[in-house]
Amino acid sequence: AQSKLGLAHNILSNRLGTLVDQGLLERANETRQAAYQPTPSGLALLAPALVARTWAIDWIEPTHGTWSSVIHEPCGQDLLVDYTCASCGKLVEPKDVTY
């Protein structure tokens, strides 16, 4: 994962440590090859993280090639966020929303 992310070992280690300290990740095992899994509070961040990622893909040029993929395991395709109305099931466009 480290080489795929393009981060130095110490930077990745510090960032993972912060996420563990904040209760968003936990170490999945204590072997030499560290593995992490999200805690319940980390899993709760999936929706806002996907929204932020989708916005970034639309509005920000990636600094290193392309944006990393978030794969929907059942179909194997990249996951992007769209909103549908809970009542009518139609795709929600910004022009269709009032506050």
N, C-alpha and C. Protein backbone atom coordinates (compact mmCIF):
# COMPACT_ATOMS: atom_id res chain seq x y z
N ALA A 1 0.83 -1.20 0.00
CA ALA A 1 0.00 0.00 0.00
C ALA A 1 0.86 1.25 0.00
N GLN A 2 1.98 1.20 0.70
CA GLN A 2 2.84 2.36 0.81
C GLN A 2 3.33 2.84 -0.55
N SER A 3 3.86 1.94 -1.37
CA SER A 3 4.36 2.34 -2.68
C SER A 3 3.22 2.78 -3.59
N LYS A 4 2.07 2.15 -3.46
CA LYS A 4 0.90 2.51 -4.27
C LYS A 4 0.42 3.93 -3.94
N LEU A 5 0.57 4.33 -2.68
CA LEU A 5 0.16 5.67 -2.27
C LEU A 5 1.21 6.73 -2.56
N GLY A 6 2.43 6.31 -2.76
CA GLY A 6 3.49 7.27 -3.03
C GLY A 6 3.91 8.04 -1.79
N LEU A 7 3.79 7.43 -0.62
CA LEU A 7 4.15 8.08 0.63
C LEU A 7 5.38 7.43 1.23
N ALA A 8 6.21 8.25 1.87
CA ALA A 8 7.34 7.71 2.61
C ALA A 8 6.81 6.90 3.79
N HIS A 9 7.58 5.90 4.21
CA HIS A 9 7.16 5.01 5.31
C HIS A 9 6.81 5.80 6.57
N ASN A 10 7.64 6.77 6.94
CA ASN A 10 7.39 7.50 8.19
C ASN A 10 6.12 8.34 8.11
N ILE A 11 5.82 8.89 6.95
CA ILE A 11 4.61 9.70 6.80
C ILE A 11 3.37 8.80 6.88
N LEU A 12 3.40 7.67 6.17
CA LEU A 12 2.28 6.74 6.24
C LEU A 12 2.08 6.23 7.66
N SER A 13 3.16 5.88 8.32
CA SER A 13 3.09 5.37 9.68
C SER A 13 2.49 6.42 10.63
N ASN A 14 2.92 7.67 10.49
CA ASN A 14 2.37 8.75 11.33
C ASN A 14 0.89 8.96 11.07
N ARG A 15 0.48 8.94 9.82
CA ARG A 15 -0.94 9.14 9.48
C ARG A 15 -1.80 8.00 9.99
N LEU A 16 -1.33 6.77 9.82
CA LEU A 16 -2.07 5.62 10.34
C LEU A 16 -2.15 5.68 11.87
N GLY A 17 -1.05 6.08 12.51
CA GLY A 17 -1.05 6.21 13.96
C GLY A 17 -2.07 7.24 14.45
N THR A 18 -2.18 8.34 13.73
CA THR A 18 -3.17 9.37 14.09
C THR A 18 -4.58 8.82 13.95
N LEU A 19 -4.85 8.08 12.88
CA LEU A 19 -6.18 7.50 12.69
C LEU A 19 -6.50 6.47 13.77
N VAL A 20 -5.49 5.72 14.21
CA VAL A 20 -5.68 4.78 15.31
C VAL A 20 -5.95 5.55 16.60
N ASP A 21 -5.14 6.58 16.87
CA ASP A 21 -5.31 7.39 18.10
C ASP A 21 -6.68 8.04 18.16
N GLN A 22 -7.22 8.42 17.01
CA GLN A 22 -8.53 9.07 16.96
C GLN A 22 -9.69 8.08 16.96
N GLY A 23 -9.37 6.79 16.97
CA GLY A 23 -10.40 5.76 17.04
C GLY A 23 -11.08 5.45 15.72
N LEU A 24 -10.44 5.81 14.60
CA LEU A 24 -11.03 5.54 13.29
C LEU A 24 -10.55 4.23 12.68
N LEU A 25 -9.34 3.81 13.06
CA LEU A 25 -8.77 2.53 12.61
C LEU A 25 -8.27 1.76 13.82
N GLU A 26 -8.16 0.44 13.65
CA GLU A 26 -7.50 -0.39 14.64
C GLU A 26 -6.60 -1.36 13.90
N ARG A 27 -5.52 -1.76 14.57
CA ARG A 27 -4.63 -2.74 13.95
C ARG A 27 -5.33 -4.08 13.89
N ALA A 28 -5.31 -4.70 12.72
CA ALA A 28 -5.98 -5.98 12.53
C ALA A 28 -5.13 -7.13 13.05
N ASN A 29 -3.81 -6.94 13.10
CA ASN A 29 -2.92 -7.98 13.61
C ASN A 29 -1.64 -7.33 14.08
N GLU A 30 -0.80 -8.07 14.71
CA GLU A 30 0.46 -7.55 15.23
C GLU A 30 1.67 -8.17 14.54
N THR A 31 1.50 -8.59 13.29
CA THR A 31 2.61 -9.17 12.54
C THR A 31 3.51 -8.06 12.02
N ARG A 32 4.59 -8.44 11.41
CA ARG A 32 5.53 -7.46 10.83
C ARG A 32 4.82 -6.61 9.77
N GLN A 33 3.97 -7.23 8.96
CA GLN A 33 3.21 -6.51 7.94
C GLN A 33 1.91 -6.02 8.59
N ALA A 34 1.89 -4.77 8.97
CA ALA A 34 0.72 -4.22 9.68
C ALA A 34 -0.49 -4.17 8.76
N ALA A 35 -1.62 -4.48 9.33
CA ALA A 35 -2.89 -4.37 8.62
C ALA A 35 -3.85 -3.60 9.53
N TYR A 36 -4.68 -2.79 8.93
CA TYR A 36 -5.61 -1.96 9.69
C TYR A 36 -7.02 -2.20 9.19
N GLN A 37 -7.97 -2.03 10.08
CA GLN A 37 -9.37 -2.13 9.70
C GLN A 37 -10.11 -0.97 10.37
N PRO A 38 -11.17 -0.51 9.74
CA PRO A 38 -11.92 0.60 10.33
C PRO A 38 -12.71 0.16 11.56
N THR A 39 -12.81 1.06 12.51
CA THR A 39 -13.66 0.86 13.68
C THR A 39 -15.08 1.26 13.27
N PRO A 40 -16.06 1.05 14.13
CA PRO A 40 -17.41 1.52 13.80
C PRO A 40 -17.47 3.01 13.47
N SER A 41 -16.73 3.83 14.23
CA SER A 41 -16.75 5.27 13.90
C SER A 41 -16.02 5.55 12.59
N GLY A 42 -15.02 4.75 12.26
CA GLY A 42 -14.35 4.89 10.97
C GLY A 42 -15.27 4.50 9.82
N LEU A 43 -16.04 3.44 10.01
CA LEU A 43 -17.00 3.02 8.98
C LEU A 43 -18.07 4.08 8.76
N ALA A 44 -18.44 4.80 9.83
CA ALA A 44 -19.45 5.85 9.71
C ALA A 44 -18.99 7.00 8.82
N LEU A 45 -17.68 7.10 8.59
CA LEU A 45 -17.15 8.15 7.72
C LEU A 45 -17.17 7.79 6.24
N LEU A 46 -17.60 6.58 5.90
CA LEU A 46 -17.60 6.17 4.50
C LEU A 46 -18.43 7.12 3.63
N ALA A 47 -19.65 7.41 4.02
CA ALA A 47 -20.51 8.27 3.19
C ALA A 47 -19.91 9.65 2.97
N PRO A 48 -19.51 10.38 4.03
CA PRO A 48 -18.93 11.70 3.77
C PRO A 48 -17.60 11.64 3.01
N ALA A 49 -16.82 10.58 3.23
CA ALA A 49 -15.56 10.44 2.50
C ALA A 49 -15.82 10.22 1.01
N LEU A 50 -16.83 9.42 0.67
CA LEU A 50 -17.16 9.19 -0.73
C LEU A 50 -17.70 10.45 -1.39
N VAL A 51 -18.48 11.22 -0.66
CA VAL A 51 -18.98 12.50 -1.19
C VAL A 51 -17.81 13.44 -1.48
N ALA A 52 -16.88 13.55 -0.54
CA ALA A 52 -15.72 14.43 -0.74
C ALA A 52 -14.87 13.94 -1.91
N ARG A 53 -14.70 12.63 -2.04
CA ARG A 53 -13.92 12.07 -3.16
C ARG A 53 -14.59 12.38 -4.49
N THR A 54 -15.90 12.19 -4.56
CA THR A 54 -16.62 12.47 -5.80
C THR A 54 -16.50 13.94 -6.18
N TRP A 55 -16.61 14.83 -5.20
CA TRP A 55 -16.45 16.27 -5.46
C TRP A 55 -15.04 16.54 -5.98
N ALA A 56 -14.03 15.95 -5.34
CA ALA A 56 -12.65 16.18 -5.76
C ALA A 56 -12.41 15.70 -7.19
N ILE A 57 -12.95 14.55 -7.55
CA ILE A 57 -12.79 14.03 -8.91
C ILE A 57 -13.36 15.02 -9.92
N ASP A 58 -14.49 15.63 -9.58
CA ASP A 58 -15.13 16.58 -10.49
C ASP A 58 -14.42 17.93 -10.56
N TRP A 59 -13.76 18.35 -9.48
CA TRP A 59 -13.30 19.73 -9.40
C TRP A 59 -11.80 19.95 -9.20
N ILE A 60 -11.05 18.92 -8.86
CA ILE A 60 -9.62 19.10 -8.56
C ILE A 60 -8.80 18.20 -9.46
N GLU A 61 -7.75 18.75 -10.01
CA GLU A 61 -6.81 17.97 -10.82
C GLU A 61 -5.93 17.14 -9.88
N PRO A 62 -5.86 15.82 -10.08
CA PRO A 62 -5.02 15.01 -9.19
C PRO A 62 -3.55 15.40 -9.32
N THR A 63 -2.82 15.34 -8.21
CA THR A 63 -1.42 15.76 -8.22
C THR A 63 -0.48 14.69 -8.76
N HIS A 64 -0.89 13.43 -8.73
CA HIS A 64 -0.02 12.33 -9.19
C HIS A 64 -0.78 11.41 -10.12
N GLY A 65 -0.99 11.81 -11.35
CA GLY A 65 -1.62 10.93 -12.33
C GLY A 65 -3.13 10.94 -12.26
N THR A 66 -3.70 9.93 -11.62
CA THR A 66 -5.15 9.82 -11.55
C THR A 66 -5.57 9.59 -10.09
N TRP A 67 -6.85 9.74 -9.85
CA TRP A 67 -7.39 9.46 -8.52
C TRP A 67 -7.37 7.96 -8.26
N SER A 68 -7.13 7.59 -7.03
CA SER A 68 -7.18 6.17 -6.68
C SER A 68 -8.62 5.68 -6.78
N SER A 69 -8.78 4.41 -6.97
CA SER A 69 -10.11 3.83 -7.12
C SER A 69 -10.65 3.36 -5.78
N VAL A 70 -11.95 3.44 -5.65
CA VAL A 70 -12.68 2.82 -4.54
C VAL A 70 -13.60 1.81 -5.22
N ILE A 71 -13.35 0.54 -4.99
CA ILE A 71 -14.02 -0.51 -5.75
C ILE A 71 -15.24 -1.04 -5.01
N HIS A 72 -16.34 -1.14 -5.73
CA HIS A 72 -17.56 -1.79 -5.22
C HIS A 72 -17.37 -3.28 -5.45
N GLU A 73 -17.10 -4.01 -4.39
CA GLU A 73 -16.72 -5.42 -4.49
C GLU A 73 -17.72 -6.29 -5.27
N PRO A 74 -19.05 -6.15 -5.08
CA PRO A 74 -19.96 -7.03 -5.82
C PRO A 74 -19.85 -6.95 -7.34
N CYS A 75 -19.56 -5.75 -7.89
CA CYS A 75 -19.49 -5.64 -9.35
C CYS A 75 -18.08 -5.34 -9.86
N GLY A 76 -17.15 -4.98 -8.96
CA GLY A 76 -15.77 -4.72 -9.35
C GLY A 76 -15.53 -3.38 -10.01
N GLN A 77 -16.49 -2.47 -9.94
CA GLN A 77 -16.35 -1.18 -10.61
C GLN A 77 -16.07 -0.06 -9.60
N ASP A 78 -15.49 1.05 -10.11
CA ASP A 78 -15.20 2.21 -9.28
C ASP A 78 -16.49 2.79 -8.72
N LEU A 79 -16.44 3.21 -7.47
CA LEU A 79 -17.62 3.70 -6.78
C LEU A 79 -17.64 5.23 -6.76
N LEU A 80 -18.72 5.80 -7.26
CA LEU A 80 -18.96 7.23 -7.19
C LEU A 80 -20.31 7.44 -6.51
N VAL A 81 -20.52 8.63 -5.99
CA VAL A 81 -21.74 8.91 -5.24
C VAL A 81 -22.72 9.70 -6.09
N ASP A 82 -23.95 9.24 -6.14
CA ASP A 82 -25.08 9.97 -6.69
C ASP A 82 -26.17 9.97 -5.63
N TYR A 83 -27.04 10.94 -5.69
CA TYR A 83 -28.16 10.99 -4.75
C TYR A 83 -29.45 10.70 -5.48
N THR A 84 -30.28 9.91 -4.83
CA THR A 84 -31.62 9.68 -5.35
C THR A 84 -32.61 10.10 -4.28
N CYS A 85 -33.77 10.54 -4.73
CA CYS A 85 -34.83 10.94 -3.83
C CYS A 85 -35.42 9.69 -3.16
N ALA A 86 -35.56 9.74 -1.83
CA ALA A 86 -36.12 8.61 -1.10
C ALA A 86 -37.59 8.40 -1.43
N SER A 87 -38.26 9.45 -1.90
CA SER A 87 -39.68 9.35 -2.19
C SER A 87 -39.96 8.85 -3.61
N CYS A 88 -39.37 9.51 -4.63
CA CYS A 88 -39.70 9.16 -6.01
C CYS A 88 -38.62 8.31 -6.70
N GLY A 89 -37.43 8.22 -6.10
CA GLY A 89 -36.37 7.40 -6.66
C GLY A 89 -35.59 8.04 -7.80
N LYS A 90 -35.91 9.30 -8.15
CA LYS A 90 -35.20 9.97 -9.24
C LYS A 90 -33.84 10.49 -8.77
N LEU A 91 -32.89 10.56 -9.74
CA LEU A 91 -31.59 11.13 -9.47
C LEU A 91 -31.75 12.60 -9.11
N VAL A 92 -31.10 13.04 -8.04
CA VAL A 92 -31.21 14.42 -7.58
C VAL A 92 -30.12 15.26 -8.25
N GLU A 93 -30.54 16.31 -8.93
CA GLU A 93 -29.63 17.28 -9.54
C GLU A 93 -29.63 18.55 -8.69
N PRO A 94 -28.51 19.30 -8.64
CA PRO A 94 -28.49 20.53 -7.83
C PRO A 94 -29.63 21.50 -8.16
N LYS A 95 -30.04 21.58 -9.42
CA LYS A 95 -31.11 22.49 -9.80
C LYS A 95 -32.47 22.09 -9.23
N ASP A 96 -32.58 20.85 -8.76
CA ASP A 96 -33.84 20.33 -8.23
C ASP A 96 -34.00 20.50 -6.72
N VAL A 97 -33.03 21.15 -6.07
CA VAL A 97 -33.01 21.24 -4.60
C VAL A 97 -33.30 22.67 -4.16
N THR A 98 -34.16 22.80 -3.17
CA THR A 98 -34.39 24.10 -2.51
C THR A 98 -34.08 23.93 -1.03
N TYR A 99 -33.77 25.06 -0.40
CA TYR A 99 -33.41 25.04 1.04
C TYR A 99 -34.40 25.85 1.83
